[in-house]
PDB file of N, CA and C in Angstrom:
ATOM      1  N   MET A   1       0.767  -1.077  -0.012  1.00  0.00           N
ATOM      2  CA  MET A   1       0.001   0.043  -0.024  1.00  0.00           C
ATOM      3  C   MET A   1       0.853   1.055  -0.023  1.00  0.00           C
ATOM      4  N   SER A   2       0.606   2.266  -0.849  1.00  0.00           N
ATOM      5  CA  SER A   2       1.312   3.494  -0.962  1.00  0.00           C
ATOM      6  C   SER A   2       1.039   4.368   0.267  1.00  0.00           C
ATOM      7  N   ASP A   3       1.866   5.267   0.608  1.00  0.00           N
ATOM      8  CA  ASP A   3       1.575   6.236   1.667  1.00  0.00           C
ATOM      9  C   ASP A   3       0.602   7.233   1.096  1.00  0.00           C
ATOM     10  N   THR A   4      -0.319   7.463   1.996  1.00  0.00           N
ATOM     11  CA  THR A   4      -1.388   8.531   1.409  1.00  0.00           C
ATOM     12  C   THR A   4      -0.845  10.045   1.366  1.00  0.00           C
ATOM     13  N   ILE A   5      -0.006  10.349   2.370  1.00  0.00           N
ATOM     14  CA  ILE A   5       0.368  11.684   2.120  1.00  0.00           C
ATOM     15  C   ILE A   5       1.351  11.842   1.104  1.00  0.00           C
ATOM     16  N   GLU A   6       2.322  10.919   0.645  1.00  0.00           N
ATOM     17  CA  GLU A   6       2.921  11.038  -0.536  1.00  0.00           C
ATOM     18  C   GLU A   6       2.002  11.086  -1.805  1.00  0.00           C
ATOM     19  N   LEU A   7       0.987  10.401  -1.920  1.00  0.00           N
ATOM     20  CA  LEU A   7       0.161  10.260  -3.028  1.00  0.00           C
ATOM     21  C   LEU A   7      -0.570  11.710  -3.092  1.00  0.00           C
ATOM     22  N   LEU A   8      -1.024  12.284  -2.061  1.00  0.00           N
ATOM     23  CA  LEU A   8      -1.655  13.509  -2.053  1.00  0.00           C
ATOM     24  C   LEU A   8      -0.552  14.645  -2.458  1.00  0.00           C
ATOM     25  N   GLU A   9       0.558  14.644  -1.996  1.00  0.00           N
ATOM     26  CA  GLU A   9       1.531  15.509  -2.420  1.00  0.00           C
ATOM     27  C   GLU A   9       1.936  15.319  -4.050  1.00  0.00           C
ATOM     28  N   ALA A  10       1.940  14.129  -4.465  1.00  0.00           N
ATOM     29  CA  ALA A  10       2.136  13.791  -5.904  1.00  0.00           C
ATOM     30  C   ALA A  10       0.830  14.331  -6.692  1.00  0.00           C
ATOM     31  N   ILE A  11      -0.208  14.331  -6.314  1.00  0.00           N
ATOM     32  CA  ILE A  11      -1.397  14.715  -6.929  1.00  0.00           C
ATOM     33  C   ILE A  11      -1.456  16.372  -6.870  1.00  0.00           C
ATOM     34  N   GLY A  12      -1.037  16.969  -5.906  1.00  0.00           N
ATOM     35  CA  GLY A  12      -0.757  18.327  -5.803  1.00  0.00           C
ATOM     36  C   GLY A  12       0.234  18.842  -6.586  1.00  0.00           C
ATOM     37  N   ARG A  13       1.257  18.112  -6.890  1.00  0.00           N
ATOM     38  CA  ARG A  13       2.203  18.678  -7.870  1.00  0.00           C
ATOM     39  C   ARG A  13       2.190  18.547  -9.181  1.00  0.00           C
ATOM     40  N   ASP A  14       1.353  17.600  -9.644  1.00  0.00           N
ATOM     41  CA  ASP A  14       1.015  17.180 -10.960  1.00  0.00           C
ATOM     42  C   ASP A  14      -0.297  17.668 -11.403  1.00  0.00           C
ATOM     43  N   ALA A  15      -0.275  18.807 -12.324  1.00  0.00           N
ATOM     44  CA  ALA A  15      -1.445  19.357 -12.813  1.00  0.00           C
ATOM     45  C   ALA A  15      -2.375  18.552 -13.459  1.00  0.00           C
ATOM     46  N   SER A  16      -1.820  17.523 -14.230  1.00  0.00           N
ATOM     47  CA  SER A  16      -2.625  16.609 -15.017  1.00  0.00           C
ATOM     48  C   SER A  16      -3.365  15.654 -14.139  1.00  0.00           C
ATOM     49  N   LEU A  17      -2.927  15.478 -12.960  1.00  0.00           N
ATOM     50  CA  LEU A  17      -3.605  14.617 -11.870  1.00  0.00           C
ATOM     51  C   LEU A  17      -4.695  15.427 -11.023  1.00  0.00           C
ATOM     52  N   ARG A  18      -4.368  16.592 -11.007  1.00  0.00           N
ATOM     53  CA  ARG A  18      -5.396  17.594 -10.262  1.00  0.00           C
ATOM     54  C   ARG A  18      -6.477  17.747 -11.060  1.00  0.00           C
ATOM     55  N   HIS A  19      -6.486  17.732 -12.364  1.00  0.00           N
ATOM     56  CA  HIS A  19      -7.632  17.990 -13.389  1.00  0.00           C
ATOM     57  C   HIS A  19      -8.202  16.818 -14.099  1.00  0.00           C
ATOM     58  N   ILE A  20      -7.887  15.646 -13.669  1.00  0.00           N
ATOM     59  CA  ILE A  20      -8.601  14.457 -14.318  1.00  0.00           C
ATOM     60  C   ILE A  20      -9.854  14.251 -13.571  1.00  0.00           C
ATOM     61  N   SER A  21     -10.777  13.464 -14.189  1.00  0.00           N
ATOM     62  CA  SER A  21     -11.942  13.218 -13.357  1.00  0.00           C
ATOM     63  C   SER A  21     -11.814  12.386 -12.302  1.00  0.00           C
ATOM     64  N   ALA A  22     -12.756  12.366 -11.353  1.00  0.00           N
ATOM     65  CA  ALA A  22     -12.527  11.471  -9.966  1.00  0.00           C
ATOM     66  C   ALA A  22     -12.543   9.896 -10.359  1.00  0.00           C
ATOM     67  N   GLU A  23     -13.271   9.584 -11.502  1.00  0.00           N
ATOM     68  CA  GLU A  23     -13.213   8.189 -11.642  1.00  0.00           C
ATOM     69  C   GLU A  23     -11.839   7.595 -12.230  1.00  0.00           C
ATOM     70  N   ASP A  24     -11.315   8.694 -13.123  1.00  0.00           N
ATOM     71  CA  ASP A  24     -10.013   8.243 -13.545  1.00  0.00           C
ATOM     72  C   ASP A  24      -8.890   8.378 -12.583  1.00  0.00           C
ATOM     73  N   LEU A  25      -9.029   9.333 -11.630  1.00  0.00           N
ATOM     74  CA  LEU A  25      -8.114   9.371 -10.536  1.00  0.00           C
ATOM     75  C   LEU A  25      -8.214   8.163  -9.556  1.00  0.00           C
ATOM     76  N   ALA A  26      -9.556   7.731  -9.296  1.00  0.00           N
ATOM     77  CA  ALA A  26      -9.589   6.597  -8.542  1.00  0.00           C
ATOM     78  C   ALA A  26      -9.064   5.305  -9.029  1.00  0.00           C
ATOM     79  N   GLY A  27      -9.201   5.158 -10.428  1.00  0.00           N
ATOM     80  CA  GLY A  27      -8.620   4.172 -11.048  1.00  0.00           C
ATOM     81  C   GLY A  27      -6.990   4.071 -10.991  1.00  0.00           C
ATOM     82  N   LEU A  28      -6.427   5.210 -11.039  1.00  0.00           N
ATOM     83  CA  LEU A  28      -5.029   5.371 -10.877  1.00  0.00           C
ATOM     84  C   LEU A  28      -4.553   4.906  -9.466  1.00  0.00           C
ATOM     85  N   LEU A  29      -5.578   5.428  -8.461  1.00  0.00           N
ATOM     86  CA  LEU A  29      -5.140   5.221  -7.064  1.00  0.00           C
ATOM     87  C   LEU A  29      -5.227   3.594  -6.813  1.00  0.00           C
ATOM     88  N   ARG A  30      -6.182   3.022  -7.428  1.00  0.00           N
ATOM     89  CA  ARG A  30      -6.221   1.526  -7.185  1.00  0.00           C
ATOM     90  C   ARG A  30      -5.151   0.919  -7.746  1.00  0.00           C
ATOM     91  N   GLN A  31      -4.545   1.280  -9.049  1.00  0.00           N
ATOM     92  CA  GLN A  31      -3.265   0.724  -9.604  1.00  0.00           C
ATOM     93  C   GLN A  31      -2.103   0.888  -8.734  1.00  0.00           C
ATOM     94  N   VAL A  32      -1.989   2.044  -7.993  1.00  0.00           N
ATOM     95  CA  VAL A  32      -0.768   2.061  -7.086  1.00  0.00           C
ATOM     96  C   VAL A  32      -1.103   1.664  -5.790  1.00  0.00           C
ATOM     97  N   GLN A  33      -2.082   1.137  -5.423  1.00  0.00           N
ATOM     98  CA  GLN A  33      -2.562   0.426  -4.195  1.00  0.00           C
ATOM     99  C   GLN A  33      -2.657   1.587  -3.170  1.00  0.00           C
ATOM    100  N   ALA A  34      -3.360   2.527  -3.447  1.00  0.00           N
ATOM    101  CA  ALA A  34      -3.610   3.630  -2.516  1.00  0.00           C
ATOM    102  C   ALA A  34      -4.443   2.996  -1.476  1.00  0.00           C
ATOM    103  N   SER A  35      -4.654   3.642  -0.133  1.00  0.00           N
ATOM    104  CA  SER A  35      -5.411   3.270   0.711  1.00  0.00           C
ATOM    105  C   SER A  35      -6.887   3.382   0.323  1.00  0.00           C
ATOM    106  N   GLU A  36      -7.654   2.467   0.984  1.00  0.00           N
ATOM    107  CA  GLU A  36      -9.074   2.562   0.732  1.00  0.00           C
ATOM    108  C   GLU A  36      -9.693   3.989   1.032  1.00  0.00           C
ATOM    109  N   ALA A  37      -9.223   4.499   2.187  1.00  0.00           N
ATOM    110  CA  ALA A  37      -9.822   5.902   2.533  1.00  0.00           C
ATOM    111  C   ALA A  37      -9.570   6.823   1.511  1.00  0.00           C
ATOM    112  N   LEU A  38      -8.357   7.012   1.004  1.00  0.00           N
ATOM    113  CA  LEU A  38      -8.051   8.074  -0.066  1.00  0.00           C
ATOM    114  C   LEU A  38      -8.883   7.606  -1.465  1.00  0.00           C
ATOM    115  N   THR A  39      -9.018   6.424  -1.690  1.00  0.00           N
ATOM    116  CA  THR A  39      -9.766   6.110  -2.849  1.00  0.00           C
ATOM    117  C   THR A  39     -11.310   6.467  -2.783  1.00  0.00           C
ATOM    118  N   LYS A  40     -11.746   6.104  -1.567  1.00  0.00           N
ATOM    119  CA  LYS A  40     -13.139   6.543  -1.276  1.00  0.00           C
ATOM    120  C   LYS A  40     -13.465   8.079  -1.252  1.00  0.00           C
ATOM    121  N   THR A  41     -12.341   8.783  -0.690  1.00  0.00           N
ATOM    122  CA  THR A  41     -12.525  10.314  -0.677  1.00  0.00           C
ATOM    123  C   THR A  41     -12.479  10.860  -2.167  1.00  0.00           C
ATOM    124  N   VAL A  42     -11.628  10.223  -3.042  1.00  0.00           N
ATOM    125  CA  VAL A  42     -11.735  10.740  -4.305  1.00  0.00           C
ATOM    126  C   VAL A  42     -13.061  10.486  -5.054  1.00  0.00           C
ATOM    127  N   VAL A  43     -13.563   9.244  -4.856  1.00  0.00           N
ATOM    128  CA  VAL A  43     -14.678   8.910  -5.541  1.00  0.00           C
ATOM    129  C   VAL A  43     -16.024   9.700  -4.993  1.00  0.00           C
ATOM    130  N   SER A  44     -16.005   9.833  -3.774  1.00  0.00           N
ATOM    131  CA  SER A  44     -17.240  10.500  -2.984  1.00  0.00           C
ATOM    132  C   SER A  44     -17.094  12.021  -2.728  1.00  0.00           C
ATOM    133  N   GLY A  45     -15.850  12.530  -2.635  1.00  0.00           N
ATOM    134  CA  GLY A  45     -15.649  13.814  -2.462  1.00  0.00           C
ATOM    135  C   GLY A  45     -15.947  14.247  -0.999  1.00  0.00           C
ATOM    136  N   ASP A  46     -16.052  13.032  -0.256  1.00  0.00           N
ATOM    137  CA  ASP A  46     -16.320  13.185   1.258  1.00  0.00           C
ATOM    138  C   ASP A  46     -14.840  13.019   2.128  1.00  0.00           C
ATOM    139  N   ARG A  47     -14.416  14.169   2.672  1.00  0.00           N
ATOM    140  CA  ARG A  47     -13.131  14.251   3.427  1.00  0.00           C
ATOM    141  C   ARG A  47     -13.030  13.213   4.717  1.00  0.00           C
ATOM    142  N   SER A  48     -14.371  12.896   5.087  1.00  0.00           N
ATOM    143  CA  SER A  48     -14.349  12.161   6.288  1.00  0.00           C
ATOM    144  C   SER A  48     -13.808  10.785   6.351  1.00  0.00           C
ATOM    145  N   TRP A  49     -13.512  10.171   5.045  1.00  0.00           N
ATOM    146  CA  TRP A  49     -12.986   9.003   4.979  1.00  0.00           C
ATOM    147  C   TRP A  49     -11.500   9.236   5.418  1.00  0.00           C
ATOM    148  N   LEU A  50     -10.763  10.433   4.993  1.00  0.00           N
ATOM    149  CA  LEU A  50      -9.428  10.698   5.404  1.00  0.00           C
ATOM    150  C   LEU A  50      -9.279  10.722   6.829  1.00  0.00           C
ATOM    151  N   SER A  51     -10.454  11.319   7.522  1.00  0.00           N
ATOM    152  CA  SER A  51     -10.578  11.420   8.902  1.00  0.00           C
ATOM    153  C   SER A  51     -10.308  10.252   9.728  1.00  0.00           C
ATOM    154  N   GLU A  52     -10.988   9.068   9.136  1.00  0.00           N
ATOM    155  CA  GLU A  52     -10.809   7.798   9.663  1.00  0.00           C
ATOM    156  C   GLU A  52      -9.310   7.247   9.560  1.00  0.00           C
ATOM    157  N   GLU A  53      -8.595   7.439   8.460  1.00  0.00           N
ATOM    158  CA  GLU A  53      -7.285   7.127   8.347  1.00  0.00           C
ATOM    159  C   GLU A  53      -6.339   7.872   9.088  1.00  0.00           C
ATOM    160  N   PHE A  54      -6.409   9.191   9.228  1.00  0.00           N
ATOM    161  CA  PHE A  54      -5.426   9.948   9.932  1.00  0.00           C
ATOM    162  C   PHE A  54      -5.996  10.355  11.309  1.00  0.00           C
ATOM    163  N   GLY A  55      -7.268  10.118  11.694  1.00  0.00           N
ATOM    164  CA  GLY A  55      -7.725  10.548  13.054  1.00  0.00           C
ATOM    165  C   GLY A  55      -8.160  11.953  12.876  1.00  0.00           C
ATOM    166  N   SER A  56      -9.057  12.426  13.870  1.00  0.00           N
ATOM    167  CA  SER A  56      -9.516  13.699  13.729  1.00  0.00           C
ATOM    168  C   SER A  56      -9.307  14.305  15.060  1.00  0.00           C
ATOM    169  N   ILE A  57      -8.609  15.269  15.071  1.00  0.00           N
ATOM    170  CA  ILE A  57      -8.316  16.136  16.300  1.00  0.00           C
ATOM    171  C   ILE A  57      -8.934  17.591  15.860  1.00  0.00           C
ATOM    172  N   LEU A  58      -9.754  17.985  16.859  1.00  0.00           N
ATOM    173  CA  LEU A  58     -10.374  19.372  16.788  1.00  0.00           C
ATOM    174  C   LEU A  58      -9.434  20.401  17.446  1.00  0.00           C
ATOM    175  N   MET A  59      -8.923  21.372  16.668  1.00  0.00           N
ATOM    176  CA  MET A  59      -8.008  22.307  17.055  1.00  0.00           C
ATOM    177  C   MET A  59      -8.602  23.598  17.201  1.00  0.00           C
ATOM    178  N   HIS A  60      -8.324  24.129  18.404  1.00  0.00           N
ATOM    179  CA  HIS A  60      -8.953  25.531  18.780  1.00  0.00           C
ATOM    180  C   HIS A  60      -7.841  26.375  18.984  1.00  0.00           C
ATOM    181  N   THR A  61      -8.113  27.639  18.663  1.00  0.00           N
ATOM    182  CA  THR A  61      -7.104  28.667  19.023  1.00  0.00           C
ATOM    183  C   THR A  61      -7.929  29.848  19.562  1.00  0.00           C
ATOM    184  N   THR A  62      -7.193  30.791  20.456  1.00  0.00           N
ATOM    185  CA  THR A  62      -7.680  31.749  20.866  1.00  0.00           C
ATOM    186  C   THR A  62      -7.472  32.896  20.161  1.00  0.00           C
ATOM    187  N   HIS A  63      -8.473  33.777  20.010  1.00  0.00           N
ATOM    188  CA  HIS A  63      -8.314  34.989  18.923  1.00  0.00           C
ATOM    189  C   HIS A  63      -7.771  36.063  20.082  1.00  0.00           C
ATOM    190  N   ILE A  64      -6.469  36.423  19.854  1.00  0.00           N
ATOM    191  CA  ILE A  64      -5.807  37.458  20.482  1.00  0.00           C
ATOM    192  C   ILE A  64      -5.187  38.516  19.418  1.00  0.00           C
ATOM    193  N   SER A  65      -5.506  39.759  19.619  1.00  0.00           N
ATOM    194  CA  SER A  65      -4.988  40.722  18.702  1.00  0.00           C
ATOM    195  C   SER A  65      -3.586  41.024  18.897  1.00  0.00           C
ATOM    196  N   GLN A  66      -2.902  41.012  17.855  1.00  0.00           N
ATOM    197  CA  GLN A  66      -1.454  41.172  17.952  1.00  0.00           C
ATOM    198  C   GLN A  66      -0.715  42.476  17.606  1.00  0.00           C
ATOM    199  N   ILE A  67      -1.878  43.419  17.592  1.00  0.00           N
ATOM    200  CA  ILE A  67      -1.646  44.791  17.196  1.00  0.00           C
ATOM    201  C   ILE A  67      -1.532  45.595  18.502  1.00  0.00           C
ATOM    202  N   PRO A  68      -0.448  46.277  18.771  1.00  0.00           N
ATOM    203  CA  PRO A  68      -0.313  47.092  19.963  1.00  0.00           C
ATOM    204  C   PRO A  68      -1.421  48.183  20.044  1.00  0.00           C
ATOM    205  N   ALA A  69      -1.624  48.504  21.241  1.00  0.00           N
ATOM    206  CA  ALA A  69      -2.576  49.528  21.536  1.00  0.00           C
ATOM    207  C   ALA A  69      -2.069  50.763  21.115  1.00  0.00           C
ATOM    208  N   HIS A  70      -2.933  51.801  20.734  1.00  0.00           N
ATOM    209  CA  HIS A  70      -2.594  53.085  20.438  1.00  0.00           C
ATOM    210  C   HIS A  70      -2.512  53.816  21.757  1.00  0.00           C
ATOM    211  N   GLU A  71      -1.375  54.641  21.994  1.00  0.00           N
ATOM    212  CA  GLU A  71      -1.136  55.443  23.027  1.00  0.00           C
ATOM    213  C   GLU A  71      -0.948  56.782  22.529  1.00  0.00           C
ATOM    214  N   ASP A  72      -1.642  57.816  23.191  1.00  0.00           N
ATOM    215  CA  ASP A  72      -1.316  59.196  22.807  1.00  0.00           C
ATOM    216  C   ASP A  72      -0.205  59.692  23.572  1.00  0.00           C
ATOM    217  N   ASP A  73       0.845  60.266  22.791  1.00  0.00           N
ATOM    218  CA  ASP A  73       2.058  60.657  23.360  1.00  0.00           C
ATOM    219  C   ASP A  73       1.816  62.354  23.318  1.00  0.00           C
ATOM    220  N   GLU A  74       1.877  62.857  24.726  1.00  0.00           N
ATOM    221  CA  GLU A  74       1.704  64.351  24.809  1.00  0.00           C
ATOM    222  C   GLU A  74       2.905  65.100  24.173  1.00  0.00           C
ATOM    223  N   ASP A  75       4.138  64.467  24.060  1.00  0.00           N
ATOM    224  CA  ASP A  75       5.406  65.299  23.458  1.00  0.00           C
ATOM    225  C   ASP A  75       4.828  65.467  22.013  1.00  0.00           C
ATOM    226  N   ASP A  76       4.122  64.857  21.340  1.00  0.00           N
ATOM    227  CA  ASP A  76       4.031  65.011  19.832  1.00  0.00           C
ATOM    228  C   ASP A  76       3.092  66.246  19.593  1.00  0.00           C
ATOM    229  N   GLU A  77       2.374  66.735  20.431  1.00  0.00           N
ATOM    230  CA  GLU A  77       1.428  67.754  20.219  1.00  0.00           C
ATOM    231  C   GLU A  77       2.083  68.922  20.809  1.00  0.00           C
ATOM    232  N   PRO A  78       1.975  70.166  20.252  1.00  0.00           N
ATOM    233  CA  PRO A  78       2.437  71.534  20.680  1.00  0.00           C
ATOM    234  C   PRO A  78       1.637  71.868  22.000  1.00  0.00           C
ATOM    235  N   ASP A  79       2.252  72.666  22.937  1.00  0.00           N
ATOM    236  CA  ASP A  79       1.589  73.224  23.933  1.00  0.00           C
ATOM    237  C   ASP A  79       0.563  74.300  23.694  1.00  0.00           C
ATOM    238  N   HIS A  80      -0.620  74.276  24.357  1.00  0.00           N
ATOM    239  CA  HIS A  80      -1.492  75.301  24.087  1.00  0.00           C
ATOM    240  C   HIS A  80      -1.916  75.996  25.326  1.00  0.00           C
ATOM    241  N   ASP A  81      -1.286  77.191  25.514  1.00  0.00           N
ATOM    242  CA  ASP A  81      -1.542  77.964  26.748  1.00  0.00           C
ATOM    243  C   ASP A  81      -2.728  78.818  26.521  1.00  0.00           C
ATOM    244  N   ASP A  82      -3.008  79.526  27.600  1.00  0.00           N
ATOM    245  CA  ASP A  82      -4.387  80.390  27.560  1.00  0.00           C
ATOM    246  C   ASP A  82      -4.185  81.573  26.680  1.00  0.00           C
ATOM    247  N   ASP A  83      -2.834  82.051  26.547  1.00  0.00           N
ATOM    248  CA  ASP A  83      -2.530  83.153  25.724  1.00  0.00           C
ATOM    249  C   ASP A  83      -2.451  82.664  24.270  1.00  0.00           C
ATOM    250  N   GLY A  84      -2.725  81.390  23.785  1.00  0.00           N
ATOM    251  CA  GLY A  84      -2.446  81.123  22.540  1.00  0.00           C
ATOM    252  C   GLY A  84      -0.935  80.905  22.055  1.00  0.00           C
ATOM    253  N   ASP A  85      -0.202  80.988  22.980  1.00  0.00           N
ATOM    254  CA  ASP A  85       1.405  80.956  22.713  1.00  0.00           C
ATOM    255  C   ASP A  85       1.753  79.399  22.540  1.00  0.00           C
ATOM    256  N   GLU A  86       1.905  78.784  21.457  1.00  0.00           N
ATOM    257  CA  GLU A  86       2.026  77.409  21.222  1.00  0.00           C
ATOM    258  C   GLU A  86       3.696  77.221  21.615  1.00  0.00           C
ATOM    259  N   ASP A  87       4.599  78.102  21.330  1.00  0.00           N
ATOM    260  CA  ASP A  87       5.922  77.721  21.581  1.00  0.00           C
ATOM    261  C   ASP A  87       6.406  78.134  22.975  1.00  0.00           C
ATOM    262  N   GLY A  88       5.503  78.557  23.674  1.00  0.00           N
ATOM    263  CA  GLY A  88       5.838  78.892  25.207  1.00  0.00           C
ATOM    264  C   GLY A  88       6.765  80.060  25.406  1.00  0.00           C
ATOM    265  N   ASP A  89       7.084  80.943  24.614  1.00  0.00           N
ATOM    266  CA  ASP A  89       7.978  82.122  24.809  1.00  0.00           C
ATOM    267  C   ASP A  89       7.306  83.180  25.437  1.00  0.00           C
ATOM    268  N   GLY A  90       6.007  83.136  25.828  1.00  0.00           N
ATOM    269  CA  GLY A  90       5.275  84.224  26.415  1.00  0.00           C
ATOM    270  C   GLY A  90       4.952  85.451  25.492  1.00  0.00           C
ATOM    271  N   LYS A  91       5.219  85.419  24.188  1.00  0.00           N
ATOM    272  CA  LYS A  91       4.999  86.470  23.457  1.00  0.00           C
ATOM    273  C   LYS A  91       3.550  86.332  22.727  1.00  0.00           C
ATOM    274  N   GLY A  92       2.847  85.585  23.046  1.00  0.00           N
ATOM    275  CA  GLY A  92       1.564  85.360  22.476  1.00  0.00           C
ATOM    276  C   GLY A  92       1.436  84.560  21.300  1.00  0.00           C
ATOM    277  N   HIS A  93       0.420  84.673  20.568  1.00  0.00           N
ATOM    278  CA  HIS A  93       0.055  83.762  19.337  1.00  0.00           C
ATOM    279  C   HIS A  93       1.264  83.428  18.386  1.00  0.00           C
ATOM    280  N   ASP A  94       2.028  82.636  18.927  1.00  0.00           N
ATOM    281  CA  ASP A  94       3.133  81.878  18.243  1.00  0.00           C
ATOM    282  C   ASP A  94       4.013  82.952  17.336  1.00  0.00           C
ATOM    283  N   ASP A  95       4.302  83.886  18.071  1.00  0.00           N
ATOM    284  CA  ASP A  95       5.348  84.920  17.531  1.00  0.00           C
ATOM    285  C   ASP A  95       4.765  85.680  16.087  1.00  0.00           C
ATOM    286  N   GLU A  96       3.543  85.837  15.936  1.00  0.00           N
ATOM    287  CA  GLU A  96       2.985  86.314  14.854  1.00  0.00           C
ATOM    288  C   GLU A  96       3.222  87.878  14.912  1.00  0.00           C
ATOM    289  N   PRO A  97       3.583  88.404  13.686  1.00  0.00           N
ATOM    290  CA  PRO A  97       3.923  89.874  13.624  1.00  0.00           C
ATOM    291  C   PRO A  97       2.760  90.618  13.966  1.00  0.00           C
ATOM    292  N   PRO A  98       2.788  91.715  14.606  1.00  0.00           N
ATOM    293  CA  PRO A  98       1.748  92.640  14.973  1.00  0.00           C
ATOM    294  C   PRO A  98       1.082  93.045  13.689  1.00  0.00           C
ATOM    295  N   CYS A  99      -0.236  93.347  13.643  1.00  0.00           N
ATOM    296  CA  CYS A  99      -0.947  93.802  12.300  1.00  0.00           C
ATOM    297  C   CYS A  99      -0.494  95.360  12.267  1.00  0.00           C
ATOM    298  N   PRO A 100      -0.506  95.692  11.217  1.00  0.00           N
ATOM    299  CA  PRO A 100      -0.336  97.135  10.931  1.00  0.00           C
ATOM    300  C   PRO A 100      -1.554  97.945  11.393  1.00  0.00           C
ATOM    301  N   PRO A 101      -1.367  99.137  11.890  1.00  0.00           N
ATOM    302  CA  PRO A 101      -2.505  99.946  12.117  1.00  0.00           C
ATOM    303  C   PRO A 101      -3.452 100.309  10.896  1.00  0.00           C
ATOM    304  N   ALA A 102      -4.609 100.173  11.196  1.00  0.00           N
ATOM    305  CA  ALA A 102      -5.592 100.508  10.047  1.00  0.00           C
ATOM    306  C   ALA A 102      -5.528 101.873   9.614  1.00  0.00           C
ATOM    307  N   GLU A 103      -5.713 102.128   8.339  1.00  0.00           N
ATOM    308  CA  GLU A 103      -5.477 103.568   7.723  1.00  0.00           C
ATOM    309  C   GLU A 103      -6.595 104.248   8.173  1.00  0.00           C
ATOM    310  N   GLN A 104      -6.398 105.638   8.523  1.00  0.00           N
ATOM    311  CA  GLN A 104      -7.425 106.531   8.891  1.00  0.00           C
ATOM    312  C   GLN A 104      -7.837 107.326   7.786  1.00  0.00           C
ATOM    313  N   PRO A 105      -9.247 107.516   7.371  1.00  0.00           N
ATOM    314  CA  PRO A 105      -9.690 108.296   6.209  1.00  0.00           C
ATOM    315  C   PRO A 105      -9.363 109.663   6.193  1.00  0.00           C
TER     316      PRO A 105
END
């Protein structure tokens, strides 16, 4: 009897085997003395036959986010004082030049 895993790998590598009919593939599997479970799986399309051969273990995983949490860094944002002085020099609105006086008519 041929190893089921090796036969599955061979079918996966050979495009001509992947695209032939189930009946033709089952015939080839019988010629190479494949396991009954593999042959029945190919004919029926039911994977439960392979579960009998390999056993069935239900795998569970816990969903945990691997993305770090977002934290706000206070250093990234400019200071906003009451006087609107973002650079903290005490001169008021971020060192804007004073407005020229309005012209009198």
